[in-house]
Amino acid sequence: MTAAVLTSHAPKQLSLQPLHKVPLPAGRPRVWYESHNRRLKAMRLAIALLDTGVYRPEQAPDRAIRAMAALIGVHPPSEATCRMVRALIYDGR
């Protein structure tokens, strides 16, 4: 029989250093670049929210997502980007 070990995990500290940017491939339509950048921004925001303990979409109103954007240093997201962030947080239950 094995004993269960209880540990407490402290929330991770946010890294506020800018990410290394790689140039995007040339020759794509402008819409592709816009949607690509929107997805990247939504992923960054979703990861930051998950790191702070927001695990369900209902815990992430537009106001909280925009506050996180200011904290991590990205421009305030649009409503479409906020919806995308909540979709990424969605756990499927």
N, C-alpha and C. Protein backbone atom coordinates (compact mmCIF):
# COMPACT_ATOMS: atom_id res chain seq x y z
N MET A 1 0.85 -1.17 0.00
CA MET A 1 0.00 0.00 0.00
C MET A 1 0.90 1.24 0.00
N THR A 2 0.57 2.19 -0.82
CA THR A 2 1.37 3.40 -0.90
C THR A 2 0.64 4.55 -0.22
N ALA A 3 1.39 5.43 0.35
CA ALA A 3 0.81 6.59 1.02
C ALA A 3 0.72 7.74 0.03
N ALA A 4 -0.37 8.46 0.11
CA ALA A 4 -0.55 9.62 -0.75
C ALA A 4 0.22 10.80 -0.17
N VAL A 5 0.85 11.53 -1.03
CA VAL A 5 1.61 12.69 -0.62
C VAL A 5 0.86 13.94 -1.06
N LEU A 6 0.58 14.80 -0.11
CA LEU A 6 -0.11 16.05 -0.42
C LEU A 6 0.92 17.16 -0.55
N THR A 7 0.85 17.86 -1.65
CA THR A 7 1.74 18.99 -1.84
C THR A 7 0.91 20.19 -2.25
N SER A 8 1.37 21.34 -1.87
CA SER A 8 0.69 22.55 -2.31
C SER A 8 1.55 23.21 -3.38
N HIS A 9 0.91 23.56 -4.46
CA HIS A 9 1.61 24.19 -5.58
C HIS A 9 1.27 25.67 -5.59
N ALA A 10 2.28 26.47 -5.50
CA ALA A 10 2.08 27.92 -5.58
C ALA A 10 1.89 28.30 -7.05
N PRO A 11 1.06 29.30 -7.34
CA PRO A 11 0.89 29.71 -8.73
C PRO A 11 2.21 30.20 -9.33
N LYS A 12 2.41 29.92 -10.59
CA LYS A 12 3.63 30.33 -11.26
C LYS A 12 3.67 31.85 -11.41
N GLN A 13 4.87 32.37 -11.37
CA GLN A 13 5.05 33.79 -11.61
C GLN A 13 5.00 34.05 -13.11
N LEU A 14 4.36 35.14 -13.50
CA LEU A 14 4.27 35.48 -14.91
C LEU A 14 5.61 36.01 -15.40
N SER A 15 6.00 35.56 -16.57
CA SER A 15 7.21 36.07 -17.19
C SER A 15 6.82 37.29 -18.01
N LEU A 16 7.31 38.43 -17.64
CA LEU A 16 6.95 39.67 -18.32
C LEU A 16 7.99 40.08 -19.36
N GLN A 17 8.85 39.14 -19.76
CA GLN A 17 9.83 39.44 -20.78
C GLN A 17 9.19 39.25 -22.15
N PRO A 18 9.53 40.12 -23.11
CA PRO A 18 8.96 39.96 -24.45
C PRO A 18 9.44 38.66 -25.09
N LEU A 19 8.56 38.08 -25.91
CA LEU A 19 8.89 36.84 -26.59
C LEU A 19 9.76 37.13 -27.80
N HIS A 20 10.59 36.15 -28.15
CA HIS A 20 11.42 36.26 -29.35
C HIS A 20 10.51 36.13 -30.57
N LYS A 21 10.53 37.11 -31.44
CA LYS A 21 9.65 37.10 -32.60
C LYS A 21 10.37 36.56 -33.83
N VAL A 22 9.66 35.71 -34.55
CA VAL A 22 10.19 35.13 -35.78
C VAL A 22 9.41 35.73 -36.94
N PRO A 23 10.06 36.13 -38.02
CA PRO A 23 9.33 36.70 -39.15
C PRO A 23 8.34 35.71 -39.74
N LEU A 24 7.18 36.22 -40.13
CA LEU A 24 6.17 35.38 -40.76
C LEU A 24 6.54 35.16 -42.23
N PRO A 25 6.06 34.05 -42.80
CA PRO A 25 6.38 33.79 -44.21
C PRO A 25 5.75 34.84 -45.12
N ALA A 26 6.46 35.20 -46.15
CA ALA A 26 5.98 36.21 -47.08
C ALA A 26 5.06 35.59 -48.13
N GLY A 27 4.21 36.44 -48.72
CA GLY A 27 3.40 36.01 -49.84
C GLY A 27 2.00 35.51 -49.50
N ARG A 28 1.62 35.56 -48.25
CA ARG A 28 0.27 35.12 -47.87
C ARG A 28 -0.70 36.29 -47.96
N PRO A 29 -2.00 36.01 -48.08
CA PRO A 29 -2.98 37.11 -48.07
C PRO A 29 -3.01 37.79 -46.70
N ARG A 30 -3.37 39.05 -46.68
CA ARG A 30 -3.40 39.83 -45.44
C ARG A 30 -4.30 39.19 -44.39
N VAL A 31 -5.41 38.59 -44.80
CA VAL A 31 -6.33 37.94 -43.86
C VAL A 31 -5.63 36.83 -43.09
N TRP A 32 -4.73 36.12 -43.74
CA TRP A 32 -4.02 35.04 -43.08
C TRP A 32 -3.16 35.59 -41.94
N TYR A 33 -2.46 36.69 -42.19
CA TYR A 33 -1.61 37.29 -41.16
C TYR A 33 -2.46 37.81 -39.98
N GLU A 34 -3.60 38.42 -40.29
CA GLU A 34 -4.46 38.93 -39.23
C GLU A 34 -4.99 37.80 -38.35
N SER A 35 -5.45 36.71 -38.96
CA SER A 35 -5.98 35.60 -38.16
C SER A 35 -4.86 34.89 -37.40
N HIS A 36 -3.68 34.79 -38.01
CA HIS A 36 -2.55 34.16 -37.34
C HIS A 36 -2.17 34.95 -36.09
N ASN A 37 -2.06 36.27 -36.23
CA ASN A 37 -1.70 37.11 -35.09
C ASN A 37 -2.78 37.10 -34.02
N ARG A 38 -4.06 37.03 -34.43
CA ARG A 38 -5.16 36.95 -33.46
C ARG A 38 -5.06 35.65 -32.66
N ARG A 39 -4.76 34.53 -33.35
CA ARG A 39 -4.62 33.25 -32.64
C ARG A 39 -3.45 33.28 -31.68
N LEU A 40 -2.32 33.87 -32.09
CA LEU A 40 -1.17 33.96 -31.19
C LEU A 40 -1.49 34.78 -29.95
N LYS A 41 -2.16 35.90 -30.14
CA LYS A 41 -2.53 36.76 -29.01
C LYS A 41 -3.49 36.02 -28.08
N ALA A 42 -4.47 35.32 -28.65
CA ALA A 42 -5.42 34.57 -27.83
C ALA A 42 -4.72 33.47 -27.04
N MET A 43 -3.77 32.79 -27.66
CA MET A 43 -3.03 31.75 -26.95
C MET A 43 -2.20 32.33 -25.81
N ARG A 44 -1.53 33.46 -26.06
CA ARG A 44 -0.75 34.09 -24.98
C ARG A 44 -1.64 34.48 -23.81
N LEU A 45 -2.80 35.06 -24.12
CA LEU A 45 -3.72 35.47 -23.06
C LEU A 45 -4.29 34.27 -22.32
N ALA A 46 -4.66 33.21 -23.05
CA ALA A 46 -5.21 32.02 -22.41
C ALA A 46 -4.18 31.38 -21.48
N ILE A 47 -2.94 31.30 -21.92
CA ILE A 47 -1.88 30.72 -21.08
C ILE A 47 -1.67 31.56 -19.83
N ALA A 48 -1.65 32.87 -19.99
CA ALA A 48 -1.46 33.75 -18.83
C ALA A 48 -2.62 33.60 -17.84
N LEU A 49 -3.85 33.51 -18.35
CA LEU A 49 -5.01 33.33 -17.47
C LEU A 49 -4.95 31.98 -16.77
N LEU A 50 -4.58 30.93 -17.50
CA LEU A 50 -4.47 29.60 -16.88
C LEU A 50 -3.40 29.61 -15.78
N ASP A 51 -2.30 30.31 -16.02
CA ASP A 51 -1.24 30.40 -15.01
C ASP A 51 -1.70 31.12 -13.75
N THR A 52 -2.70 31.99 -13.86
CA THR A 52 -3.19 32.71 -12.69
C THR A 52 -4.39 32.04 -12.03
N GLY A 53 -4.80 30.89 -12.54
CA GLY A 53 -5.87 30.14 -11.88
C GLY A 53 -7.24 30.27 -12.52
N VAL A 54 -7.33 30.81 -13.71
CA VAL A 54 -8.62 30.89 -14.42
C VAL A 54 -8.71 29.64 -15.28
N TYR A 55 -9.57 28.70 -14.87
CA TYR A 55 -9.65 27.40 -15.55
C TYR A 55 -10.96 27.18 -16.28
N ARG A 56 -11.91 28.10 -16.16
CA ARG A 56 -13.19 27.94 -16.85
C ARG A 56 -13.54 29.23 -17.58
N PRO A 57 -14.21 29.12 -18.73
CA PRO A 57 -14.53 30.31 -19.51
C PRO A 57 -15.37 31.33 -18.75
N GLU A 58 -16.23 30.86 -17.85
CA GLU A 58 -17.07 31.82 -17.12
C GLU A 58 -16.24 32.69 -16.18
N GLN A 59 -15.04 32.26 -15.84
CA GLN A 59 -14.17 33.03 -14.97
C GLN A 59 -13.40 34.11 -15.74
N ALA A 60 -13.59 34.16 -17.06
CA ALA A 60 -12.82 35.09 -17.89
C ALA A 60 -13.72 36.03 -18.69
N PRO A 61 -14.32 37.02 -18.02
CA PRO A 61 -15.07 38.02 -18.79
C PRO A 61 -14.10 38.90 -19.58
N ASP A 62 -14.65 39.65 -20.51
CA ASP A 62 -13.81 40.54 -21.33
C ASP A 62 -12.94 41.44 -20.47
N ARG A 63 -13.50 41.93 -19.38
CA ARG A 63 -12.78 42.83 -18.47
C ARG A 63 -11.51 42.16 -17.93
N ALA A 64 -11.61 40.89 -17.51
CA ALA A 64 -10.45 40.17 -16.96
C ALA A 64 -9.42 39.88 -18.05
N ILE A 65 -9.89 39.57 -19.25
CA ILE A 65 -8.97 39.28 -20.35
C ILE A 65 -8.20 40.55 -20.73
N ARG A 66 -8.90 41.67 -20.78
CA ARG A 66 -8.24 42.93 -21.13
C ARG A 66 -7.27 43.38 -20.03
N ALA A 67 -7.61 43.10 -18.77
CA ALA A 67 -6.69 43.42 -17.68
C ALA A 67 -5.42 42.57 -17.78
N MET A 68 -5.58 41.30 -18.14
CA MET A 68 -4.42 40.43 -18.31
C MET A 68 -3.57 40.90 -19.49
N ALA A 69 -4.22 41.39 -20.55
CA ALA A 69 -3.47 41.90 -21.71
C ALA A 69 -2.60 43.08 -21.28
N ALA A 70 -3.14 43.96 -20.46
CA ALA A 70 -2.35 45.10 -19.97
C ALA A 70 -1.20 44.60 -19.11
N LEU A 71 -1.42 43.57 -18.33
CA LEU A 71 -0.40 43.03 -17.43
C LEU A 71 0.76 42.40 -18.20
N ILE A 72 0.44 41.67 -19.27
CA ILE A 72 1.51 40.99 -20.01
C ILE A 72 2.06 41.85 -21.15
N GLY A 73 1.48 43.02 -21.36
CA GLY A 73 2.05 43.97 -22.31
C GLY A 73 1.62 43.81 -23.75
N VAL A 74 0.38 43.39 -23.99
CA VAL A 74 -0.14 43.34 -25.37
C VAL A 74 -1.30 44.32 -25.48
N HIS A 75 -1.62 44.72 -26.70
CA HIS A 75 -2.72 45.65 -26.92
C HIS A 75 -4.03 45.03 -26.46
N PRO A 76 -4.98 45.83 -26.01
CA PRO A 76 -6.27 45.29 -25.57
C PRO A 76 -6.94 44.48 -26.68
N PRO A 77 -7.41 43.29 -26.37
CA PRO A 77 -8.00 42.43 -27.41
C PRO A 77 -9.41 42.88 -27.78
N SER A 78 -9.82 42.54 -28.98
CA SER A 78 -11.18 42.81 -29.44
C SER A 78 -12.13 41.79 -28.85
N GLU A 79 -13.42 41.98 -29.11
CA GLU A 79 -14.42 41.02 -28.63
C GLU A 79 -14.18 39.65 -29.25
N ALA A 80 -13.80 39.62 -30.53
CA ALA A 80 -13.54 38.34 -31.20
C ALA A 80 -12.37 37.61 -30.55
N THR A 81 -11.33 38.34 -30.20
CA THR A 81 -10.18 37.72 -29.55
C THR A 81 -10.56 37.23 -28.15
N CYS A 82 -11.39 37.98 -27.43
CA CYS A 82 -11.84 37.54 -26.11
C CYS A 82 -12.64 36.23 -26.22
N ARG A 83 -13.49 36.14 -27.24
CA ARG A 83 -14.24 34.89 -27.45
C ARG A 83 -13.28 33.74 -27.74
N MET A 84 -12.24 34.01 -28.52
CA MET A 84 -11.26 32.98 -28.84
C MET A 84 -10.51 32.52 -27.59
N VAL A 85 -10.19 33.46 -26.70
CA VAL A 85 -9.52 33.11 -25.44
C VAL A 85 -10.40 32.19 -24.62
N ARG A 86 -11.69 32.53 -24.51
CA ARG A 86 -12.60 31.67 -23.75
C ARG A 86 -12.75 30.30 -24.41
N ALA A 87 -12.72 30.24 -25.72
CA ALA A 87 -12.80 28.95 -26.41
C ALA A 87 -11.56 28.10 -26.13
N LEU A 88 -10.41 28.74 -26.02
CA LEU A 88 -9.19 28.00 -25.70
C LEU A 88 -9.19 27.50 -24.27
N ILE A 89 -9.81 28.25 -23.37
CA ILE A 89 -9.88 27.85 -21.96
C ILE A 89 -10.90 26.74 -21.76
N TYR A 90 -11.91 26.68 -22.64
CA TYR A 90 -13.00 25.71 -22.50
C TYR A 90 -12.45 24.30 -22.32
N ASP A 91 -12.95 23.59 -21.32
CA ASP A 91 -12.43 22.26 -21.02
C ASP A 91 -13.27 21.12 -21.57
N GLY A 92 -14.39 21.39 -22.18
CA GLY A 92 -15.16 20.34 -22.83
C GLY A 92 -16.08 19.55 -21.93
N ARG A 93 -16.28 19.98 -20.69
CA ARG A 93 -17.18 19.23 -19.80
C ARG A 93 -18.57 19.77 -19.84
